[in-house]
Amino acid sequence: MNERQFTQSTINLVDRKYLTISGVDNVKDVSPNLINLCTMGQNMSISGENMQVIKLDVENGNLKIEGKIDDIKYNAKKEKFLKRLFK
C-alpha cells in the first residue's frame, strides 16, 4: 500500500479537548495516551489522556481526536549511527 503525502497540513486545537488535523498521510498507532501519525512526511506524536479517534478520513487526510491533549510534537528523524560516526 502506498502512503499518500499531502502538501499542506493544519492543526486546530480547541480547549485542549478537541483536535483536528488535516494533511495526515497515515496513522501509525492509537492508544488512549499516545497517537503516532505521519503528516507531510514528518512523524508526529500526540500525547494526553482518554484520547480517541472520532473521525479518520484517509482519502482526504483528515483526523479528529477527542480527549485531554497534553502535547503535540513533531519527531525529528534521527541520523543513523554509522552516518554520524563517519561524518
Protein backbone atom coordinates (compact mmCIF):
# COMPACT_ATOMS: atom_id res chain seq x y z
CA MET A 1 0.00 0.00 0.00
CA ASN A 2 1.40 3.41 -0.98
CA GLU A 3 1.31 6.21 1.54
CA ARG A 4 -0.28 9.42 0.36
CA GLN A 5 1.71 12.57 1.08
CA PHE A 6 -0.13 15.88 1.31
CA THR A 7 1.48 19.26 0.63
CA GLN A 8 -0.28 21.21 3.37
CA SER A 9 -1.23 20.47 6.96
CA THR A 10 -3.30 22.32 9.56
CA ILE A 11 -3.74 21.74 13.28
CA ASN A 12 -6.76 23.07 15.17
CA LEU A 13 -6.92 22.56 18.93
CA VAL A 14 -9.99 23.70 20.89
CA ASP A 15 -9.82 23.89 24.69
CA ARG A 16 -7.16 21.14 24.77
CA LYS A 17 -10.04 18.72 24.25
CA TYR A 18 -10.82 18.63 20.51
CA LEU A 19 -8.04 18.27 17.94
CA THR A 20 -8.46 18.34 14.17
CA ILE A 21 -5.51 17.72 11.85
CA SER A 22 -5.52 17.88 8.06
CA GLY A 23 -2.81 16.60 5.75
CA VAL A 24 -2.49 13.28 7.59
CA ASP A 25 -0.61 10.76 5.44
CA ASN A 26 -1.20 7.81 7.79
CA VAL A 27 -1.92 6.92 11.41
CA LYS A 28 0.69 4.54 12.82
CA ASP A 29 -0.53 3.83 16.36
CA VAL A 30 -3.51 4.76 18.53
CA SER A 31 -3.91 4.33 22.27
CA PRO A 32 -5.78 6.37 24.91
CA ASN A 33 -2.48 8.07 25.92
CA LEU A 34 -0.50 8.30 22.65
CA ILE A 35 -1.27 8.70 18.97
CA ASN A 36 1.53 8.46 16.39
CA LEU A 37 0.93 9.64 12.86
CA CYS A 38 2.66 10.98 9.78
CA THR A 39 1.77 14.36 8.27
CA MET A 40 3.53 15.80 5.22
CA GLY A 41 6.18 13.11 5.52
CA GLN A 42 7.04 14.00 9.13
CA ASN A 43 6.28 11.91 12.20
CA MET A 44 4.04 13.47 14.83
CA SER A 45 3.17 12.30 18.35
CA ILE A 46 0.15 13.43 20.31
CA SER A 47 0.05 12.58 23.99
CA GLY A 48 -2.72 13.02 26.52
CA GLU A 49 -5.38 11.14 28.42
CA ASN A 50 -8.55 9.34 27.35
CA MET A 51 -7.93 10.19 23.70
CA GLN A 52 -9.94 8.55 20.99
CA VAL A 53 -10.17 8.98 17.24
CA ILE A 54 -13.59 10.39 16.42
CA LYS A 55 -13.12 10.53 12.65
CA LEU A 56 -10.43 9.39 10.24
CA ASP A 57 -10.84 10.27 6.55
CA VAL A 58 -7.87 8.61 4.84
CA GLU A 59 -8.90 9.80 1.37
CA ASN A 60 -8.75 13.49 2.34
CA GLY A 61 -6.19 13.15 5.15
CA ASN A 62 -8.38 14.45 7.97
CA LEU A 63 -8.22 13.26 11.58
CA LYS A 64 -10.39 14.29 14.55
CA ILE A 65 -9.41 13.39 18.11
CA GLU A 66 -11.25 13.93 21.37
CA GLY A 67 -9.77 13.71 24.87
CA LYS A 68 -7.33 15.62 27.06
CA ILE A 69 -4.49 16.77 24.77
CA ASP A 70 -1.24 17.41 26.66
CA ASP A 71 1.41 17.52 23.93
CA ILE A 72 1.73 17.73 20.15
CA LYS A 73 5.24 17.07 18.93
CA TYR A 74 6.98 16.63 15.60
CA ASN A 75 9.60 13.91 15.92
CA ALA A 76 12.89 14.72 14.23
CA LYS A 77 14.33 11.95 12.16
CA LYS A 78 17.42 10.58 13.86
CA GLU A 79 20.58 10.05 11.87
CA LYS A 80 21.77 6.50 11.65
CA PHE A 81 24.68 5.60 13.90
CA LEU A 82 27.14 4.83 11.08
CA LYS A 83 26.33 8.06 9.26
CA ARG A 84 27.13 10.07 12.41
CA LEU A 85 30.26 8.04 13.04
CA PHE A 86 31.77 8.74 9.63
CA LYS A 87 30.93 12.44 9.33
